[in-house]
Protein backbone atom coordinates (compact mmCIF):
# COMPACT_ATOMS: atom_id res chain seq x y z
CA UNK A 1 87.08 25.05 43.61
CA UNK A 2 90.13 25.26 45.82
CA UNK A 3 91.58 28.60 46.80
CA UNK A 4 95.12 29.03 45.60
CA UNK A 5 97.38 31.41 47.49
CA UNK A 6 100.08 33.39 45.77
CA UNK A 7 103.34 32.63 47.54
CA UNK A 8 106.12 35.10 47.08
CA UNK A 9 108.47 34.46 49.95
CA UNK A 10 111.66 36.41 50.32
CA UNK A 11 114.23 34.19 52.04
CA UNK A 12 115.58 37.19 53.98
CA UNK A 13 112.18 37.68 55.61
CA UNK A 14 111.99 34.16 57.00
CA UNK A 15 112.93 34.16 60.66
CA UNK A 16 115.43 31.34 61.03
CA UNK A 17 115.19 31.54 64.82
CA UNK A 18 111.53 30.51 64.83
CA UNK A 19 111.33 26.77 65.46
CA UNK A 20 109.15 25.08 62.80
CA UNK A 21 108.08 28.58 61.69
CA UNK A 22 106.20 29.20 64.97
CA UNK A 23 106.70 32.88 65.70
CA UNK A 24 106.14 32.42 69.44
CA UNK A 25 109.35 30.36 69.51
CA UNK A 26 111.44 33.09 67.87
CA UNK A 27 113.97 35.23 69.79
CA UNK A 28 114.08 32.88 72.78
CA UNK A 29 116.88 33.05 75.28
CA UNK A 30 118.46 29.83 76.53
CA UNK A 31 116.55 30.18 79.82
CA UNK A 32 113.26 30.46 77.96
CA UNK A 33 114.06 27.37 75.91
CA UNK A 34 114.83 25.42 79.10
CA UNK A 35 111.58 26.64 80.71
CA UNK A 36 109.45 25.80 77.66
CA UNK A 37 110.87 22.39 76.83
CA UNK A 38 111.37 21.45 80.48
CA UNK A 39 107.70 22.09 81.20
CA UNK A 40 106.61 20.22 78.05
CA UNK A 41 108.65 17.21 79.17
CA UNK A 42 107.33 17.49 82.74
CA UNK A 43 103.78 17.70 81.37
CA UNK A 44 104.26 14.58 79.24
CA UNK A 45 105.82 12.67 82.14
CA UNK A 46 102.99 13.84 84.41
CA UNK A 47 100.40 12.53 81.95
CA UNK A 48 102.12 9.18 81.55
CA UNK A 49 102.74 8.69 85.28
CA UNK A 50 99.19 9.62 86.32
CA UNK A 51 97.74 7.31 83.66
CA UNK A 52 100.06 4.33 84.08
CA UNK A 53 100.99 4.39 87.77
CA UNK A 54 98.04 6.01 89.50
CA UNK A 55 95.34 5.05 86.96
CA UNK A 56 93.84 8.53 87.30
CA UNK A 57 90.93 9.53 85.07
CA UNK A 58 91.94 10.76 81.62
CA UNK A 59 90.61 14.31 82.11
CA UNK A 60 92.50 14.72 85.39
CA UNK A 61 95.75 13.53 83.75
CA UNK A 62 95.16 15.70 80.70
CA UNK A 63 94.48 18.89 82.68
CA UNK A 64 97.36 18.15 85.05
CA UNK A 65 99.79 17.93 82.13
CA UNK A 66 98.13 20.92 80.44
CA UNK A 67 99.00 23.05 83.49
CA UNK A 68 102.73 22.37 83.02
CA UNK A 69 102.58 22.89 79.26
CA UNK A 70 100.66 26.15 79.78
CA UNK A 71 103.20 27.44 82.31
CA UNK A 72 106.01 26.59 79.93
CA UNK A 73 104.25 28.40 77.11
CA UNK A 74 103.52 31.48 79.26
CA UNK A 75 107.08 31.94 80.48
CA UNK A 76 109.07 30.23 77.73
CA UNK A 77 107.45 31.55 74.56
CA UNK A 78 107.64 35.13 73.30
CA UNK A 79 104.80 37.45 72.35
CA UNK A 80 107.32 39.65 70.59
CA UNK A 81 111.07 40.11 70.53
CA UNK A 82 111.16 41.84 73.91
CA UNK A 83 108.70 40.08 76.23
CA UNK A 84 107.23 36.70 77.06
CA UNK A 85 103.55 35.93 76.75
CA UNK A 86 103.21 36.01 80.55
CA UNK A 87 104.70 39.53 80.68
CA UNK A 88 102.44 40.57 77.80
CA UNK A 89 99.32 39.25 79.57
CA UNK A 90 100.38 41.06 82.75
CA UNK A 91 100.50 44.31 80.78
CA UNK A 92 97.10 43.61 79.20
CA UNK A 93 95.22 42.67 82.37
CA UNK A 94 96.80 44.83 85.05
CA UNK A 95 97.24 48.09 83.11
CA UNK A 96 100.64 49.16 84.44
CA UNK A 97 101.27 52.72 85.53
CA UNK A 98 104.65 52.73 83.83
CA UNK A 99 104.24 52.17 80.12
CA UNK A 100 106.79 50.42 77.99
CA UNK A 101 107.75 52.27 74.83
CA UNK A 102 109.98 50.90 72.14
CA UNK A 103 111.88 52.94 69.60
CA UNK A 104 110.42 52.86 66.15
CA UNK A 105 112.62 51.17 63.61
CA UNK A 106 111.37 53.61 60.98
CA UNK A 107 112.32 56.76 62.89
CA UNK A 108 113.92 59.23 60.46
CA UNK A 109 116.40 60.59 63.01
CA UNK A 110 117.60 57.04 63.83
CA UNK A 111 117.95 56.30 60.13
CA UNK A 112 120.02 59.48 59.65
CA UNK A 113 122.20 58.54 62.63
CA UNK A 114 122.78 55.06 61.19
CA UNK A 115 123.59 56.60 57.80
CA UNK A 116 126.15 58.87 59.50
CA UNK A 117 127.74 55.87 61.21
CA UNK A 118 127.90 53.99 57.91
CA UNK A 119 129.47 57.02 56.21
CA UNK A 120 132.16 57.29 58.91
CA UNK A 121 132.84 53.56 58.62
CA UNK A 122 133.11 53.88 54.82
CA UNK A 123 135.59 56.76 55.18
CA UNK A 124 137.64 54.68 57.62
CA UNK A 125 137.73 51.80 55.14
CA UNK A 126 138.80 54.18 52.34
CA UNK A 127 141.66 55.47 54.53
CA UNK A 128 142.78 51.91 55.21
CA UNK A 129 142.74 51.15 51.49
CA UNK A 130 144.66 54.35 50.72
CA UNK A 131 147.35 53.41 53.25
CA UNK A 132 147.60 49.91 51.76
CA UNK A 133 148.59 51.23 48.31
CA UNK A 134 152.30 51.71 47.46
CA UNK A 135 151.80 55.50 47.50
CA UNK A 136 150.23 55.25 50.97
CA UNK A 137 153.06 53.03 52.18
CA UNK A 138 155.59 55.57 50.92
CA UNK A 139 153.76 58.39 52.73
CA UNK A 140 153.65 56.34 55.93
CA UNK A 141 157.39 55.63 55.69
CA UNK A 142 158.17 59.33 55.13
CA UNK A 143 155.95 60.23 58.12
CA UNK A 144 157.77 57.72 60.34
CA UNK A 145 161.20 59.00 59.25
CA UNK A 146 160.16 62.65 59.84
CA UNK A 147 158.78 61.80 63.28
CA UNK A 148 162.00 59.94 64.19
CA UNK A 149 164.14 62.90 63.05
CA UNK A 150 161.97 65.34 65.04
CA UNK A 151 162.23 63.08 68.11
CA UNK A 152 166.03 62.78 67.79
CA UNK A 153 166.46 66.55 67.31
CA UNK A 154 164.29 67.16 70.38
CA UNK A 155 166.26 64.59 72.43
CA UNK A 156 169.65 66.08 71.37
CA UNK A 157 168.38 69.60 72.11
CA UNK A 158 167.40 68.58 75.64
CA UNK A 159 170.71 66.76 76.14
CA UNK A 160 172.62 69.81 74.85
CA UNK A 161 170.72 72.16 77.17
CA UNK A 162 171.42 69.89 80.11
CA UNK A 163 175.17 69.76 79.40
CA UNK A 164 175.23 73.51 78.73
CA UNK A 165 173.61 74.17 82.12
CA UNK A 166 176.12 71.91 83.88
CA UNK A 167 179.08 73.72 82.27
CA UNK A 168 177.73 77.24 82.66
CA UNK A 169 176.25 77.49 86.11
CA UNK A 170 174.40 80.70 86.84
CA UNK A 171 174.37 80.20 90.58
CA UNK A 172 176.86 79.24 93.23
CA UNK A 173 177.06 75.86 94.84
CA UNK A 174 178.08 75.31 98.42
CA UNK A 175 180.11 72.27 99.23
CA UNK A 176 179.91 70.47 102.50
CA UNK A 177 182.53 69.17 104.83
CA UNK A 178 182.38 65.77 106.36
CA UNK A 179 183.94 65.37 109.73
CA UNK A 180 185.90 62.26 110.23
CA UNK A 181 185.37 60.50 113.44
CA UNK A 182 188.43 59.43 115.31
CA UNK A 183 188.17 55.87 116.36
């Protein structure tokens, strides 16, 4: 009797970045893709050249190409979203003194902070919608007219004070005499 698996797959949970559904090929940078596929191609070329040109034994050709494929996999594939398999193995075998800690995605304080950001963004959107209505447009126009009137009153007040000071001097001015040179 064959075992039948229940398959309830949510399309949002499928990682579209993972090539052929292989999770080690998800979240790769362009450099990692070049390293991985470059080493796979070099490994295949190495196998073909050692077999066809040098007539090397099969096991020697196979292990020679496996070295390149392994290097590509170590430095081109990801253990998780943040590190390659080579970096992960370095952490496992050499027990670093400095530990790498990642923020939990289920941290309540981070969730509250994100909720606050979403609330502020929602309020900003509501303000934009309120301004876009005819009533909001009328308010904006009134605000612009009031600001222009205040600016003009301020400008005329400064101009009036300047002309008042020029006409009503409170201090004396001393003129100067220029001597004309006789040529």
